[in-house]
Amino acid sequence: MNKDIEKVKVLIIGSGPAGYTAAIYAARAGLNPVLYTGSQPGGQLTITTDVENYPGYPDGIMGPEMMEDFRKQAERFGTQVRYGLVTEVDFSKAPHKVIVDEQVEIHADTVIISTGASAKWLGLESEERLNGKGVSACAVCDGFFFRGQDVAIVGAGDTACEEASYLANICNKVYMIVRRDEMRASQIMQKRVMNNPKIEILWNSETEEILGEEEVVGARILNNVTKEVSEIKVSGFFVAIGHQPNTGIFKDFITMDESGYIKTIPGSTKTNIEGVFACGDAQDHVYRQAVTAAGTGCMAALDAERYLAAVE
């Protein structure tokens, strides 16, 4: 069956802060962008409750509401926001070919990738049920809500150590749950958490269950060596075992690091493919904040606009 081919100047794949910001800038530049939301319209912020660290919202805002604001602003300037999942791409030559839901074929002069990243989770039913009710994958985003309280964090890498240290600055006590008898974090980060009196490291430990009905009240911990089960009382439970960028569909064409994050030319959002740009968490494993994602979305739209001006 032959697909109908649609031609667009700017195609944006993904709909978090990066994608919507790129859409706002591209639309205001008269580029008539088309944005496909992907499987999670609004991105990770749609599973976040209170967002208090985004400038311009002095009283905070709910994550889903904030993404609705972004969407409405993008549509106000003429962005076509469509629900659909990109299932195949071909960036071997211009224009760039993109297949949506295995049915719609789009030929795009420029493509902005803003597919984000997904947090890795432990896979517990209680973790999913209490997500946003004390369970979080971002200490920098949500730690503030637990200031002065006891919290737990799972992980053993540099990010887990950084987030444990961050939490220790604002919380009463931090339990750090480490699966083995050693960490994989750098030595300097390990020393930082080991020397912090507010951080207690639970070695050889795994989380059996996060406790609580409507909100987190504790966690049940299994010691892998002694097989002893114990409970800790915490009101916040943070998972810091890594993120997975949603970039697999581009791997045959786009240069990535070993973790799957898209490599961009420093100081820009340009990828190794002319006319293809990447922004947000799909190319950022360091900051991973809504405001930094939005900033790179702006950059991607400006890069795309300049590219189109140069080739026309």
C-alpha atoms as a PDB file:
ATOM      1  CA  MET A   1       0.000   0.000   0.000  1.00  0.00           C
ATOM      2  CA  ASN A   2       1.432   3.386  -0.985  1.00  0.00           C
ATOM      3  CA  LYS A   3       1.494   5.920   1.783  1.00  0.00           C
ATOM      4  CA  ASP A   4       0.453   9.500   1.202  1.00  0.00           C
ATOM      5  CA  ILE A   5       3.536  11.667   1.608  1.00  0.00           C
ATOM      6  CA  GLU A   6       3.297  14.917   3.530  1.00  0.00           C
ATOM      7  CA  LYS A   7       6.033  17.534   3.221  1.00  0.00           C
ATOM      8  CA  VAL A   8       6.891  19.792   6.159  1.00  0.00           C
ATOM      9  CA  LYS A   9       9.637  22.299   6.910  1.00  0.00           C
ATOM     10  CA  VAL A  10      10.078  21.482  10.595  1.00  0.00           C
ATOM     11  CA  LEU A  11       9.061  18.210  12.204  1.00  0.00           C
ATOM     12  CA  ILE A  12       9.335  17.981  16.005  1.00  0.00           C
ATOM     13  CA  ILE A  13       9.369  14.519  17.575  1.00  0.00           C
ATOM     14  CA  GLY A  14       8.377  14.653  21.244  1.00  0.00           C
ATOM     15  CA  SER A  15       6.292  16.932  23.401  1.00  0.00           C
ATOM     16  CA  GLY A  16       8.010  17.782  26.685  1.00  0.00           C
ATOM     17  CA  PRO A  17       9.367  21.235  27.575  1.00  0.00           C
ATOM     18  CA  ALA A  18      12.022  20.906  24.843  1.00  0.00           C
ATOM     19  CA  GLY A  19       9.631  19.926  22.057  1.00  0.00           C
ATOM     20  CA  TYR A  20       6.981  22.494  22.895  1.00  0.00           C
ATOM     21  CA  THR A  21       9.544  25.300  23.281  1.00  0.00           C
ATOM     22  CA  ALA A  22      11.051  24.388  19.917  1.00  0.00           C
ATOM     23  CA  ALA A  23       7.525  24.505  18.482  1.00  0.00           C
ATOM     24  CA  ILE A  24       6.837  27.953  19.943  1.00  0.00           C
ATOM     25  CA  TYR A  25      10.015  29.403  18.433  1.00  0.00           C
ATOM     26  CA  ALA A  26       9.629  27.649  15.081  1.00  0.00           C
ATOM     27  CA  ALA A  27       5.982  28.686  14.778  1.00  0.00           C
ATOM     28  CA  ARG A  28       6.731  32.317  15.588  1.00  0.00           C
ATOM     29  CA  ALA A  29       9.405  32.210  12.876  1.00  0.00           C
ATOM     30  CA  GLY A  30       6.719  31.227  10.362  1.00  0.00           C
ATOM     31  CA  LEU A  31       8.060  27.702   9.826  1.00  0.00           C
ATOM     32  CA  ASN A  32       4.680  25.979  10.358  1.00  0.00           C
ATOM     33  CA  PRO A  33       6.061  23.182  12.572  1.00  0.00           C
ATOM     34  CA  VAL A  34       4.343  19.837  12.977  1.00  0.00           C
ATOM     35  CA  LEU A  35       4.822  18.192  16.391  1.00  0.00           C
ATOM     36  CA  TYR A  36       4.105  14.565  17.213  1.00  0.00           C
ATOM     37  CA  THR A  37       3.553  14.001  20.907  1.00  0.00           C
ATOM     38  CA  GLY A  38       4.846  10.450  21.189  1.00  0.00           C
ATOM     39  CA  SER A  39       3.524   7.859  23.619  1.00  0.00           C
ATOM     40  CA  GLN A  40       3.627  10.230  26.615  1.00  0.00           C
ATOM     41  CA  PRO A  41       2.201  13.608  25.572  1.00  0.00           C
ATOM     42  CA  GLY A  42       3.869  16.245  27.717  1.00  0.00           C
ATOM     43  CA  GLY A  43       6.768  14.004  28.665  1.00  0.00           C
ATOM     44  CA  GLN A  44       8.007  13.189  32.156  1.00  0.00           C
ATOM     45  CA  LEU A  45       6.379  16.269  33.670  1.00  0.00           C
ATOM     46  CA  THR A  46       2.962  14.698  33.186  1.00  0.00           C
ATOM     47  CA  ILE A  47       3.814  12.224  35.973  1.00  0.00           C
ATOM     48  CA  THR A  48       5.118  15.014  38.209  1.00  0.00           C
ATOM     49  CA  THR A  49       2.834  16.675  40.714  1.00  0.00           C
ATOM     50  CA  ASP A  50       4.061  20.059  42.000  1.00  0.00           C
ATOM     51  CA  VAL A  51       6.638  21.897  39.903  1.00  0.00           C
ATOM     52  CA  GLU A  52       8.087  24.681  42.047  1.00  0.00           C
ATOM     53  CA  ASN A  53      11.428  25.345  40.368  1.00  0.00           C
ATOM     54  CA  TYR A  54      10.324  26.559  36.936  1.00  0.00           C
ATOM     55  CA  PRO A  55      10.637  30.369  36.618  1.00  0.00           C
ATOM     56  CA  GLY A  56       7.415  32.304  36.216  1.00  0.00           C
ATOM     57  CA  TYR A  57       5.229  30.166  38.488  1.00  0.00           C
ATOM     58  CA  PRO A  58       5.635  31.791  41.927  1.00  0.00           C
ATOM     59  CA  ASP A  59       3.055  29.514  43.537  1.00  0.00           C
ATOM     60  CA  GLY A  60       4.186  26.397  41.686  1.00  0.00           C
ATOM     61  CA  ILE A  61       2.132  24.445  39.186  1.00  0.00           C
ATOM     62  CA  MET A  62       1.102  20.868  38.580  1.00  0.00           C
ATOM     63  CA  GLY A  63       3.235  19.150  35.940  1.00  0.00           C
ATOM     64  CA  PRO A  64       0.332  18.178  33.642  1.00  0.00           C
ATOM     65  CA  GLU A  65      -1.146  21.690  33.852  1.00  0.00           C
ATOM     66  CA  MET A  66       2.202  23.209  32.966  1.00  0.00           C
ATOM     67  CA  MET A  67       2.498  21.017  29.891  1.00  0.00           C
ATOM     68  CA  GLU A  68      -1.005  22.030  28.854  1.00  0.00           C
ATOM     69  CA  ASP A  69       0.135  25.662  29.036  1.00  0.00           C
ATOM     70  CA  PHE A  70       3.134  24.839  26.840  1.00  0.00           C
ATOM     71  CA  ARG A  71       0.918  23.040  24.320  1.00  0.00           C
ATOM     72  CA  LYS A  72      -1.610  25.886  24.132  1.00  0.00           C
ATOM     73  CA  GLN A  73       1.164  28.423  23.603  1.00  0.00           C
ATOM     74  CA  ALA A  74       2.670  26.346  20.792  1.00  0.00           C
ATOM     75  CA  GLU A  75      -0.738  25.944  19.130  1.00  0.00           C
ATOM     76  CA  ARG A  76      -1.520  29.646  19.514  1.00  0.00           C
ATOM     77  CA  PHE A  77       1.304  30.457  17.096  1.00  0.00           C
ATOM     78  CA  GLY A  78       0.272  27.820  14.581  1.00  0.00           C
ATOM     79  CA  THR A  79       2.003  24.593  15.591  1.00  0.00           C
ATOM     80  CA  GLN A  80       0.136  21.490  14.468  1.00  0.00           C
ATOM     81  CA  VAL A  81       0.197  19.251  17.553  1.00  0.00           C
ATOM     82  CA  ARG A  82      -0.656  15.693  16.593  1.00  0.00           C
ATOM     83  CA  TYR A  83      -0.990  12.551  18.658  1.00  0.00           C
ATOM     84  CA  GLY A  84       1.128   9.786  17.236  1.00  0.00           C
ATOM     85  CA  LEU A  85       4.297   7.757  17.661  1.00  0.00           C
ATOM     86  CA  VAL A  86       7.200   7.839  15.230  1.00  0.00           C
ATOM     87  CA  THR A  87       7.901   4.215  14.330  1.00  0.00           C
ATOM     88  CA  GLU A  88      10.617   4.530  11.676  1.00  0.00           C
ATOM     89  CA  VAL A  89      13.057   7.112  10.322  1.00  0.00           C
ATOM     90  CA  ASP A  90      15.382   7.344   7.349  1.00  0.00           C
ATOM     91  CA  PHE A  91      17.954  10.120   7.652  1.00  0.00           C
ATOM     92  CA  SER A  92      20.189   8.794   4.857  1.00  0.00           C
ATOM     93  CA  LYS A  93      19.341  11.677   2.546  1.00  0.00           C
ATOM     94  CA  ALA A  94      17.354  14.896   2.431  1.00  0.00           C
ATOM     95  CA  PRO A  95      14.519  15.401   2.870  1.00  0.00           C
ATOM     96  CA  HIS A  96      14.380  13.280   6.024  1.00  0.00           C
ATOM     97  CA  LYS A  97      11.803  10.516   5.953  1.00  0.00           C
ATOM     98  CA  VAL A  98       9.747   9.789   9.066  1.00  0.00           C
ATOM     99  CA  ILE A  99       6.975   7.211   9.466  1.00  0.00           C
ATOM    100  CA  VAL A 100       4.303   7.799  12.112  1.00  0.00           C
ATOM    101  CA  ASP A 101       2.260   4.914  13.541  1.00  0.00           C
ATOM    102  CA  GLU A 102       3.518   2.793  10.628  1.00  0.00           C
ATOM    103  CA  GLN A 103       1.066   4.635   8.367  1.00  0.00           C
ATOM    104  CA  VAL A 104       1.847   8.307   7.808  1.00  0.00           C
ATOM    105  CA  GLU A 105       4.962   9.183   5.804  1.00  0.00           C
ATOM    106  CA  ILE A 106       6.446  12.626   6.288  1.00  0.00           C
ATOM    107  CA  HIS A 107       9.307  14.209   4.368  1.00  0.00           C
ATOM    108  CA  ALA A 108      10.841  16.920   6.551  1.00  0.00           C
ATOM    109  CA  ASP A 109      13.419  19.539   5.628  1.00  0.00           C
ATOM    110  CA  THR A 110      14.469  19.634   9.274  1.00  0.00           C
ATOM    111  CA  VAL A 111      13.799  17.335  12.217  1.00  0.00           C
ATOM    112  CA  ILE A 112      14.019  18.293  15.875  1.00  0.00           C
ATOM    113  CA  ILE A 113      14.381  15.292  18.184  1.00  0.00           C
ATOM    114  CA  SER A 114      12.967  15.937  21.654  1.00  0.00           C
ATOM    115  CA  THR A 115      12.021  12.422  22.688  1.00  0.00           C
ATOM    116  CA  GLY A 116      13.388  12.778  26.219  1.00  0.00           C
ATOM    117  CA  ALA A 117      14.498  10.040  28.561  1.00  0.00           C
ATOM    118  CA  SER A 118      12.693   7.697  30.912  1.00  0.00           C
ATOM    119  CA  ALA A 119      13.768   6.982  34.472  1.00  0.00           C
ATOM    120  CA  LYS A 120      14.689   3.411  35.271  1.00  0.00           C
ATOM    121  CA  TRP A 121      12.558   1.994  38.063  1.00  0.00           C
ATOM    122  CA  LEU A 122      12.824  -0.905  40.489  1.00  0.00           C
ATOM    123  CA  GLY A 123       9.675  -2.554  39.137  1.00  0.00           C
ATOM    124  CA  LEU A 124       7.697  -2.654  42.388  1.00  0.00           C
ATOM    125  CA  GLU A 125       3.909  -2.325  42.415  1.00  0.00           C
ATOM    126  CA  SER A 126       4.139   0.021  45.397  1.00  0.00           C
ATOM    127  CA  GLU A 127       6.681   2.165  43.551  1.00  0.00           C
ATOM    128  CA  GLU A 128       4.263   2.696  40.669  1.00  0.00           C
ATOM    129  CA  ARG A 129       1.275   3.240  42.962  1.00  0.00           C
ATOM    130  CA  LEU A 130       3.064   5.833  45.106  1.00  0.00           C
ATOM    131  CA  ASN A 131       4.784   7.632  42.231  1.00  0.00           C
ATOM    132  CA  GLY A 132       4.206  11.336  42.846  1.00  0.00           C
ATOM    133  CA  LYS A 133       3.030  10.579  46.387  1.00  0.00           C
ATOM    134  CA  GLY A 134       6.481  10.362  47.919  1.00  0.00           C
ATOM    135  CA  VAL A 135       8.220   8.295  45.241  1.00  0.00           C
ATOM    136  CA  SER A 136      10.332  10.262  42.768  1.00  0.00           C
ATOM    137  CA  ALA A 137      13.165   9.774  40.293  1.00  0.00           C
ATOM    138  CA  CYS A 138      14.461  13.335  40.668  1.00  0.00           C
ATOM    139  CA  ALA A 139      15.821  14.575  43.985  1.00  0.00           C
ATOM    140  CA  VAL A 140      16.615  18.016  42.591  1.00  0.00           C
ATOM    141  CA  CYS A 141      12.996  18.341  41.394  1.00  0.00           C
ATOM    142  CA  ASP A 142      11.200  16.989  44.447  1.00  0.00           C
ATOM    143  CA  GLY A 143      13.606  16.959  47.396  1.00  0.00           C
ATOM    144  CA  PHE A 144      12.388  20.355  48.563  1.00  0.00           C
ATOM    145  CA  PHE A 145       9.018  18.844  49.518  1.00  0.00           C
ATOM    146  CA  PHE A 146      10.767  16.667  52.125  1.00  0.00           C
ATOM    147  CA  ARG A 147      12.929  19.262  53.830  1.00  0.00           C
ATOM    148  CA  GLY A 148      13.542  18.399  57.474  1.00  0.00           C
ATOM    149  CA  GLN A 149      12.234  14.854  56.983  1.00  0.00           C
ATOM    150  CA  ASP A 150      13.794  11.386  56.649  1.00  0.00           C
ATOM    151  CA  VAL A 151      14.139  10.032  53.106  1.00  0.00           C
ATOM    152  CA  ALA A 152      15.708   7.103  51.242  1.00  0.00           C
ATOM    153  CA  ILE A 153      17.510   6.927  47.924  1.00  0.00           C
ATOM    154  CA  VAL A 154      18.364   3.845  45.849  1.00  0.00           C
ATOM    155  CA  GLY A 155      21.489   3.806  43.704  1.00  0.00           C
ATOM    156  CA  ALA A 156      25.258   3.513  43.768  1.00  0.00           C
ATOM    157  CA  GLY A 157      26.522   5.708  40.918  1.00  0.00           C
ATOM    158  CA  ASP A 158      27.664   9.309  40.756  1.00  0.00           C
ATOM    159  CA  THR A 159      24.112  10.572  40.223  1.00  0.00           C
ATOM    160  CA  ALA A 160      22.860   8.707  43.299  1.00  0.00           C
ATOM    161  CA  CYS A 161      25.730  10.155  45.360  1.00  0.00           C
ATOM    162  CA  GLU A 162      25.063  13.662  44.055  1.00  0.00           C
ATOM    163  CA  GLU A 163      21.366  13.373  44.846  1.00  0.00           C
ATOM    164  CA  ALA A 164      22.039  11.872  48.292  1.00  0.00           C
ATOM    165  CA  SER A 165      24.335  14.811  49.067  1.00  0.00           C
ATOM    166  CA  TYR A 166      21.720  17.237  47.778  1.00  0.00           C
ATOM    167  CA  LEU A 167      19.039  15.628  49.945  1.00  0.00           C
ATOM    168  CA  ALA A 168      21.322  15.676  52.987  1.00  0.00           C
ATOM    169  CA  ASN A 169      21.480  19.467  52.722  1.00  0.00           C
ATOM    170  CA  ILE A 170      17.739  19.843  53.165  1.00  0.00           C
ATOM    171  CA  CYS A 171      16.525  16.650  54.842  1.00  0.00           C
ATOM    172  CA  ASN A 172      16.935  15.364  58.395  1.00  0.00           C
ATOM    173  CA  LYS A 173      18.383  11.988  57.386  1.00  0.00           C
ATOM    174  CA  VAL A 174      19.109  10.127  54.144  1.00  0.00           C
ATOM    175  CA  TYR A 175      19.216   6.340  53.891  1.00  0.00           C
ATOM    176  CA  MET A 176      21.242   5.310  50.837  1.00  0.00           C
ATOM    177  CA  ILE A 177      20.279   1.816  49.685  1.00  0.00           C
ATOM    178  CA  VAL A 178      23.160   0.098  47.867  1.00  0.00           C
ATOM    179  CA  ARG A 179      22.697  -3.376  46.396  1.00  0.00           C
ATOM    180  CA  ARG A 180      26.299  -4.548  46.730  1.00  0.00           C
ATOM    181  CA  ASP A 181      29.117  -4.036  49.268  1.00  0.00           C
ATOM    182  CA  GLU A 182      30.645  -1.339  47.073  1.00  0.00           C
ATOM    183  CA  MET A 183      29.584   1.574  44.885  1.00  0.00           C
ATOM    184  CA  ARG A 184      30.310   2.188  41.230  1.00  0.00           C
ATOM    185  CA  ALA A 185      30.532   5.949  41.832  1.00  0.00           C
ATOM    186  CA  SER A 186      33.823   7.810  41.530  1.00  0.00           C
ATOM    187  CA  GLN A 187      36.009   7.819  44.637  1.00  0.00           C
ATOM    188  CA  ILE A 188      35.455  11.495  45.333  1.00  0.00           C
ATOM    189  CA  MET A 189      31.675  11.058  45.261  1.00  0.00           C
ATOM    190  CA  GLN A 190      31.856   7.970  47.479  1.00  0.00           C
ATOM    191  CA  LYS A 191      33.918   9.853  50.060  1.00  0.00           C
ATOM    192  CA  ARG A 192      31.452  12.704  50.011  1.00  0.00           C
ATOM    193  CA  VAL A 193      28.510  10.507  51.018  1.00  0.00           C
ATOM    194  CA  MET A 194      30.498   8.336  53.419  1.00  0.00           C
ATOM    195  CA  ASN A 195      31.759  11.381  55.294  1.00  0.00           C
ATOM    196  CA  ASN A 196      28.331  13.000  55.526  1.00  0.00           C
ATOM    197  CA  PRO A 197      26.882  12.357  59.000  1.00  0.00           C
ATOM    198  CA  LYS A 198      23.329  12.728  57.714  1.00  0.00           C
ATOM    199  CA  ILE A 199      23.708   9.886  55.174  1.00  0.00           C
ATOM    200  CA  GLU A 200      23.468   6.283  56.357  1.00  0.00           C
ATOM    201  CA  ILE A 201      24.502   3.734  53.722  1.00  0.00           C
ATOM    202  CA  LEU A 202      22.670   0.414  53.794  1.00  0.00           C
ATOM    203  CA  TRP A 203      25.107  -1.968  52.069  1.00  0.00           C
ATOM    204  CA  ASN A 204      24.099  -5.249  50.395  1.00  0.00           C
ATOM    205  CA  SER A 205      20.501  -4.074  50.492  1.00  0.00           C
ATOM    206  CA  GLU A 206      17.482  -4.200  48.217  1.00  0.00           C
ATOM    207  CA  THR A 207      14.040  -2.689  48.542  1.00  0.00           C
ATOM    208  CA  GLU A 208      11.345  -5.322  48.950  1.00  0.00           C
ATOM    209  CA  GLU A 209       8.465  -2.876  49.296  1.00  0.00           C
ATOM    210  CA  ILE A 210       7.728   0.805  49.648  1.00  0.00           C
ATOM    211  CA  LEU A 211       5.282   1.192  52.517  1.00  0.00           C
ATOM    212  CA  GLY A 212       2.203   3.391  52.581  1.00  0.00           C
ATOM    213  CA  GLU A 213      -1.306   3.567  51.186  1.00  0.00           C
ATOM    214  CA  GLU A 214      -1.863   7.169  50.107  1.00  0.00           C
ATOM    215  CA  GLU A 215       1.689   8.396  50.709  1.00  0.00           C
ATOM    216  CA  VAL A 216       5.107   6.961  51.515  1.00  0.00           C
ATOM    217  CA  VAL A 217       5.638   6.136  55.196  1.00  0.00           C
ATOM    218  CA  GLY A 218       8.595   3.759  54.968  1.00  0.00           C
ATOM    219  CA  ALA A 219      10.339   0.953  53.134  1.00  0.00           C
ATOM    220  CA  ARG A 220      11.025  -2.722  53.781  1.00  0.00           C
ATOM    221  CA  ILE A 221      14.667  -3.585  53.133  1.00  0.00           C
ATOM    222  CA  LEU A 222      16.265  -6.997  52.557  1.00  0.00           C
ATOM    223  CA  ASN A 223      19.938  -7.555  53.380  1.00  0.00           C
ATOM    224  CA  ASN A 224      21.317  -9.763  50.584  1.00  0.00           C
ATOM    225  CA  VAL A 225      23.979 -11.324  52.800  1.00  0.00           C
ATOM    226  CA  THR A 226      22.256 -11.924  56.143  1.00  0.00           C
ATOM    227  CA  LYS A 227      18.764 -12.252  54.584  1.00  0.00           C
ATOM    228  CA  GLU A 228      17.536 -10.059  57.415  1.00  0.00           C
ATOM    229  CA  VAL A 229      14.478  -7.932  56.643  1.00  0.00           C
ATOM    230  CA  SER A 230      14.117  -4.547  58.299  1.00  0.00           C
ATOM    231  CA  GLU A 231      11.948  -1.462  57.938  1.00  0.00           C
ATOM    232  CA  ILE A 232      12.945   2.172  57.763  1.00  0.00           C
ATOM    233  CA  LYS A 233      10.604   5.091  58.335  1.00  0.00           C
ATOM    234  CA  VAL A 234      10.805   7.637  55.515  1.00  0.00           C
ATOM    235  CA  SER A 235       8.386  10.056  53.881  1.00  0.00           C
ATOM    236  CA  GLY A 236      10.269  10.316  50.598  1.00  0.00           C
ATOM    237  CA  PHE A 237      11.722   7.549  48.432  1.00  0.00           C
ATOM    238  CA  PHE A 238      14.022   8.449  45.538  1.00  0.00           C
ATOM    239  CA  VAL A 239      15.130   6.121  42.759  1.00  0.00           C
ATOM    240  CA  ALA A 240      18.484   7.022  41.191  1.00  0.00           C
ATOM    241  CA  ILE A 241      19.452   3.959  39.179  1.00  0.00           C
ATOM    242  CA  GLY A 242      19.739   5.766  35.884  1.00  0.00           C
ATOM    243  CA  HIS A 243      17.749   7.009  32.915  1.00  0.00           C
ATOM    244  CA  GLN A 244      17.203   5.527  29.489  1.00  0.00           C
ATOM    245  CA  PRO A 245      17.068   8.037  26.627  1.00  0.00           C
ATOM    246  CA  ASN A 246      14.203   7.394  24.219  1.00  0.00           C
ATOM    247  CA  THR A 247      16.448   7.384  21.183  1.00  0.00           C
ATOM    248  CA  GLY A 248      16.584   3.766  19.995  1.00  0.00           C
ATOM    249  CA  ILE A 249      14.689   4.488  16.789  1.00  0.00           C
ATOM    250  CA  PHE A 250      17.473   6.842  15.615  1.00  0.00           C
ATOM    251  CA  LYS A 251      20.467   4.587  16.341  1.00  0.00           C
ATOM    252  CA  ASP A 252      21.137   3.647  12.701  1.00  0.00           C
ATOM    253  CA  PHE A 253      21.681   7.275  11.712  1.00  0.00           C
ATOM    254  CA  ILE A 254      22.469   9.468  14.717  1.00  0.00           C
ATOM    255  CA  THR A 255      25.740   9.396  16.670  1.00  0.00           C
ATOM    256  CA  MET A 256      25.156   8.601  20.367  1.00  0.00           C
ATOM    257  CA  ASP A 257      27.219   7.875  23.450  1.00  0.00           C
ATOM    258  CA  GLU A 258      27.400   4.429  25.016  1.00  0.00           C
ATOM    259  CA  SER A 259      24.223   5.070  27.022  1.00  0.00           C
ATOM    260  CA  GLY A 260      22.160   6.144  24.006  1.00  0.00           C
ATOM    261  CA  TYR A 261      22.218   9.908  24.564  1.00  0.00           C
ATOM    262  CA  ILE A 262      22.465  11.814  21.279  1.00  0.00           C
ATOM    263  CA  LYS A 263      25.747  13.614  20.729  1.00  0.00           C
ATOM    264  CA  THR A 264      25.389  17.213  19.638  1.00  0.00           C
ATOM    265  CA  ILE A 265      28.057  19.598  18.403  1.00  0.00           C
ATOM    266  CA  PRO A 266      29.129  21.635  21.462  1.00  0.00           C
ATOM    267  CA  GLY A 267      27.380  24.969  21.665  1.00  0.00           C
ATOM    268  CA  SER A 268      24.568  23.849  19.384  1.00  0.00           C
ATOM    269  CA  THR A 269      21.852  21.242  18.965  1.00  0.00           C
ATOM    270  CA  LYS A 270      23.277  19.964  15.675  1.00  0.00           C
ATOM    271  CA  THR A 271      23.701  16.203  15.281  1.00  0.00           C
ATOM    272  CA  ASN A 272      25.954  14.363  12.826  1.00  0.00           C
ATOM    273  CA  ILE A 273      23.125  14.567  10.252  1.00  0.00           C
ATOM    274  CA  GLU A 274      22.637  17.873   8.440  1.00  0.00           C
ATOM    275  CA  GLY A 275      19.212  19.289   9.246  1.00  0.00           C
ATOM    276  CA  VAL A 276      18.575  17.017  12.255  1.00  0.00           C
ATOM    277  CA  PHE A 277      18.755  18.610  15.692  1.00  0.00           C
ATOM    278  CA  ALA A 278      18.392  17.198  19.210  1.00  0.00           C
ATOM    279  CA  CYS A 279      17.284  18.909  22.404  1.00  0.00           C
ATOM    280  CA  GLY A 280      16.103  18.137  25.918  1.00  0.00           C
ATOM    281  CA  ASP A 281      16.847  14.976  27.862  1.00  0.00           C
ATOM    282  CA  ALA A 282      17.450  12.941  24.697  1.00  0.00           C
ATOM    283  CA  GLN A 283      20.848  14.658  24.542  1.00  0.00           C
ATOM    284  CA  ASP A 284      21.331  15.796  28.160  1.00  0.00           C
ATOM    285  CA  HIS A 285      22.368  13.287  30.819  1.00  0.00           C
ATOM    286  CA  VAL A 286      23.798  15.951  33.124  1.00  0.00           C
ATOM    287  CA  TYR A 287      21.080  18.459  34.071  1.00  0.00           C
ATOM    288  CA  ARG A 288      17.761  16.855  33.077  1.00  0.00           C
ATOM    289  CA  GLN A 289      15.606  19.783  34.226  1.00  0.00           C
ATOM    290  CA  ALA A 290      12.521  21.245  32.596  1.00  0.00           C
ATOM    291  CA  VAL A 291      14.119  24.670  32.307  1.00  0.00           C
ATOM    292  CA  THR A 292      17.311  23.370  30.662  1.00  0.00           C
ATOM    293  CA  ALA A 293      15.241  21.224  28.299  1.00  0.00           C
ATOM    294  CA  ALA A 294      13.211  24.280  27.304  1.00  0.00           C
ATOM    295  CA  GLY A 295      16.435  26.221  26.727  1.00  0.00           C
ATOM    296  CA  THR A 296      17.781  23.620  24.318  1.00  0.00           C
ATOM    297  CA  GLY A 297      14.386  23.492  22.603  1.00  0.00           C
ATOM    298  CA  CYS A 298      14.779  27.192  21.857  1.00  0.00           C
ATOM    299  CA  MET A 299      18.294  26.523  20.542  1.00  0.00           C
ATOM    300  CA  ALA A 300      17.061  23.709  18.290  1.00  0.00           C
ATOM    301  CA  ALA A 301      14.399  25.894  16.689  1.00  0.00           C
ATOM    302  CA  LEU A 302      16.907  28.689  16.066  1.00  0.00           C
ATOM    303  CA  ASP A 303      19.418  26.195  14.642  1.00  0.00           C
ATOM    304  CA  ALA A 304      16.720  24.773  12.355  1.00  0.00           C
ATOM    305  CA  GLU A 305      15.660  28.246  11.229  1.00  0.00           C
ATOM    306  CA  ARG A 306      19.269  29.169  10.354  1.00  0.00           C
ATOM    307  CA  TYR A 307      19.784  25.898   8.551  1.00  0.00           C
ATOM    308  CA  LEU A 308      16.680  26.425   6.417  1.00  0.00           C
ATOM    309  CA  ALA A 309      17.719  30.005   5.622  1.00  0.00           C
ATOM    310  CA  ALA A 310      21.129  28.787   4.471  1.00  0.00           C
ATOM    311  CA  VAL A 311      19.839  26.022   2.168  1.00  0.00           C
ATOM    312  CA  GLU A 312      16.941  27.911   0.599  1.00  0.00           C
END
